[in-house]
Amino acid sequence: LKEFNLALLGKWCWRMLVDKEGLWFRVLAARYGVERGRLREGGGRGSSWWREIVKIRDGAGGLGSGWFRESVVKRVGDGEATFFWTDPWLGGSPLCERFGRLFDLAENK
């Protein structure tokens, strides 16, 4: 059951990437808000379902951590939904973590 649950939660993570015009996405955006093109975590006011999806999306601990992020490849395209500093590039870590001092000095983040 745990693996089945992970698969279903992963499907929701996938839908967040490819169906941003759907009703379900607009409902979640109204509930949790959107920051820099992606749904916010929601903190303590998030439902247990939403907290589990965020864990899978962000690769946080627990069963199967990191599998979704490792399985999805992002294409830069026109760059509209790509964030230079905070998207994971090489090695799976964002540039703001790899070059923290430079990130702190940057005026246009």
Protein backbone atom coordinates (compact mmCIF):
# COMPACT_ATOMS: atom_id res chain seq x y z
CA LEU A 1 0.00 0.00 0.00
CA LYS A 2 2.88 2.39 0.70
CA GLU A 3 4.26 2.01 -2.82
CA PHE A 4 0.79 2.43 -4.32
CA ASN A 5 0.26 5.60 -2.27
CA LEU A 6 3.65 6.93 -3.43
CA ALA A 7 2.69 6.30 -7.04
CA LEU A 8 -0.60 8.16 -6.67
CA LEU A 9 1.06 11.10 -4.91
CA GLY A 10 3.69 11.14 -7.65
CA LYS A 11 0.91 11.37 -10.21
CA TRP A 12 -0.34 14.53 -8.47
CA CYS A 13 3.20 15.95 -8.54
CA TRP A 14 3.34 15.26 -12.27
CA ARG A 15 -0.01 16.97 -12.80
CA MET A 16 1.32 20.06 -11.00
CA LEU A 17 4.02 20.28 -13.67
CA VAL A 18 1.93 19.70 -16.79
CA ASP A 19 -1.62 20.90 -16.04
CA LYS A 20 -1.39 24.37 -14.54
CA GLU A 21 -4.64 25.45 -16.20
CA GLY A 22 -6.77 22.73 -14.60
CA LEU A 23 -9.46 23.41 -12.01
CA TRP A 24 -7.66 21.37 -9.34
CA PHE A 25 -4.50 23.50 -9.79
CA ARG A 26 -6.48 26.74 -9.49
CA VAL A 27 -8.13 25.45 -6.29
CA LEU A 28 -4.73 24.58 -4.77
CA ALA A 29 -3.33 27.95 -5.90
CA ALA A 30 -6.21 29.76 -4.20
CA ARG A 31 -5.73 27.70 -1.02
CA TYR A 32 -1.93 27.76 -0.70
CA GLY A 33 -0.79 30.48 -3.09
CA VAL A 34 1.79 30.48 -5.87
CA GLU A 35 5.34 31.69 -5.41
CA ARG A 36 7.74 31.99 -8.36
CA GLY A 37 5.59 29.77 -10.55
CA ARG A 38 4.98 26.90 -8.14
CA LEU A 39 2.49 26.15 -5.40
CA ARG A 40 3.56 27.10 -1.89
CA GLU A 41 4.15 24.53 0.80
CA GLY A 42 1.33 25.76 3.02
CA GLY A 43 3.07 25.19 6.35
CA GLY A 44 0.90 24.04 9.23
CA ARG A 45 -2.34 24.91 7.51
CA GLY A 46 -1.75 22.38 4.74
CA SER A 47 -3.70 19.14 4.75
CA SER A 48 -1.84 15.88 5.36
CA TRP A 49 -2.42 15.00 1.67
CA TRP A 50 -0.83 18.27 0.56
CA ARG A 51 2.12 17.92 2.96
CA GLU A 52 2.87 14.46 1.53
CA ILE A 53 2.75 15.78 -2.04
CA VAL A 54 5.14 18.60 -1.13
CA LYS A 55 7.53 16.07 0.45
CA ILE A 56 7.60 14.05 -2.75
CA ARG A 57 7.83 17.14 -4.97
CA ASP A 58 10.70 18.63 -2.97
CA GLY A 59 12.46 15.34 -2.26
CA ALA A 60 12.11 15.69 1.51
CA GLY A 61 12.63 12.71 3.86
CA GLY A 62 10.42 9.72 4.32
CA LEU A 63 9.66 6.78 2.11
CA GLY A 64 10.92 7.28 -1.42
CA SER A 65 12.49 10.68 -0.86
CA GLY A 66 14.04 12.20 -3.93
CA TRP A 67 12.68 9.69 -6.45
CA PHE A 68 10.35 12.14 -8.16
CA ARG A 69 12.95 14.86 -8.60
CA GLU A 70 15.49 12.30 -9.86
CA SER A 71 13.00 10.92 -12.39
CA VAL A 72 11.89 14.21 -13.94
CA VAL A 73 14.00 16.20 -16.37
CA LYS A 74 13.34 19.88 -16.89
CA ARG A 75 13.87 21.55 -20.25
CA VAL A 76 14.68 25.23 -20.05
CA GLY A 77 12.72 26.19 -23.20
CA ASP A 78 12.01 29.93 -23.27
CA GLY A 79 13.12 30.29 -19.64
CA GLU A 80 9.79 31.65 -18.42
CA ALA A 81 9.33 28.93 -15.77
CA THR A 82 13.03 28.39 -15.06
CA PHE A 83 14.72 29.97 -12.07
CA PHE A 84 18.46 30.44 -12.40
CA TRP A 85 19.32 30.43 -8.71
CA THR A 86 16.78 28.05 -7.18
CA ASP A 87 16.21 25.33 -9.77
CA PRO A 88 18.47 22.29 -9.45
CA TRP A 89 21.05 22.23 -12.24
CA LEU A 90 24.12 20.02 -12.07
CA GLY A 91 24.23 17.44 -9.33
CA GLY A 92 20.64 18.12 -8.30
CA SER A 93 21.39 21.08 -6.05
CA PRO A 94 20.40 24.68 -6.80
CA LEU A 95 23.07 27.28 -7.50
CA CYS A 96 21.95 29.34 -4.49
CA GLU A 97 23.17 26.47 -2.27
CA ARG A 98 26.34 25.71 -4.21
CA PHE A 99 27.39 29.37 -4.46
CA GLY A 100 25.76 30.88 -1.38
CA ARG A 101 28.09 33.85 -1.07
CA LEU A 102 27.54 34.84 -4.71
CA PHE A 103 23.77 34.38 -4.29
CA ASP A 104 23.83 36.69 -1.25
CA LEU A 105 25.64 39.34 -3.30
CA ALA A 106 23.34 39.10 -6.32
CA GLU A 107 20.88 41.96 -6.60
CA ASN A 108 18.57 40.31 -9.16
CA LYS A 109 17.74 36.91 -7.71
